[in-house]
Amino acid sequence: MASLAAVVPPARRARGMMQIEVLIVLLVAGAMLGLMLPAMQTARQAARRVQCMNNLKQIGVAMHTYHGTHDVFPPGYVIRDVQPGDPASAEHGPGFAWGALLLPNLDQSAMAATIDFNSDATGITTRIPSFNCPNDDPTPFVVHSSVHGIVSVSASSFVGVFGFGSLTDCPGRPESPGVLFRNSRVRIEDVADGLSQTFMLGERRQTHSGEHASLAGSTWYAAVEGVDRDGGYPDREILEGPASLVLGTSGQTADPAWRAGPNGTTVISSFSSAHAGGAHFLKGDGSVGFIANEIDVEAFRRMTGIADSATPGGPTF
C-alpha cells in the first residue's frame, strides 16, 4: 500500500501540468490571432484598393478605345436642343451618360443593345461590376424625377470629372472645363495640360457624411431628366440637378462658393471614397493614382481641368 501511495501524487502533478500547458497554448494562440486579424484586414483592404484601381484602368482603356473610334472622348452626358450656357432646368433628355456610351467597349454590347438610345433615359438596375469599387455599395438606388416619377438606377462608384464650376447652373460650360461635361466633345489634343496631369474619372461613394446621405448616389447610366436632389450643403437647402448623378466637380464660384479635395466635403456633386486617406482618380493617359486627402486644394482643382496650367513636367500625384 505504501508503494501505491507513493505513485499517486506524481500522477496528480502531471494532470495539473497538462492543464497549465493547455491554458498557455490557448493564450498564445489567442495572442497570435489578435496580431493576425489586423494584418488580415489590412490585406483585404489592400486587395479591394487594387480591384478598385483595376476597374478604373479598365474604364480608361474603354475611354481610349471610344476615342479611337470617334476621335473624341464620350460626352459627360447627352442632352438635345440646349446651348452650352443653359442651366439644368433647360434640359430635355435623353440624358445618357459616359458610362452607357462605353458599354460596347467594356464587353457589354449585349447590355447596350437593351438600351434605346433614341428615347429618354428612364432607369436601369443592372449592375456592371467594372463601375463599382469593392468598398462601395453596389445596390441600385432610387431618385425622383419631375418628368419620369420614381426612377431606379444602377450604382457607380465613379463619376466623370467635370472640371470646376456648378453642375446645375451651367453644366454645359464649366468655369474650368474638364474632360466630361454636358454634350462635351473633348479630344486628346484639347488636353493642353497633358494627359498624365489631367483627371478623367474620380471616385464617389454612394453615401457621404451629410444629413441627406441616402441621396448621394451616382450612376454610370444617365443624368435623368427632372431629377433634383438636396445638394448636401451645410445649413443650406440647395438642390443639385441631373448632372450630379454622373459627374463630379472640384468646386464652384457660384453661390454657395466652395472648393474641396478628393474626399473632403459633404456636397454630393464633389468626389469622395470609401478608402481611408484619399480616393482613386483615372488620368487621361489611362493610369490611376491614389490622391491623398492632404493634397493642396488648388493643385487638385488644376488637375480636374484640361487647360489649367498643370503643365507636363510639373508635380505629379
Foldseek 3Di string as FASTA:
>chain_A
DVVVVVPPPVVVVVVVVVVVVVVVVVVVVVVVVVVVVVVVVVVVLVVLVVLLQVLLLLVLQLQVVVCVVVVFGDAQWEFPDDDQQAFLLPGDDQFWGNLLVSCVSNVNVVVNVVDDRVHHDAEDADFDVSQDRPLADQGWAWFAFPVRGIYTYTFGQKAFQQAAAACGNGQRDHPFGFRYTYVDGHGLVLLQQHQQLAFTMWGAHQADDAPPRNQLTAHNTGLHHRTWDQQRDPPDRDTGGSSLRHYAYQFHVPVVGDGAAQDDGRGSRHHHDSDPFAIWTQTRVSGIDGDGRPPDRVSRSQNSGSPRPNHPVHDGD
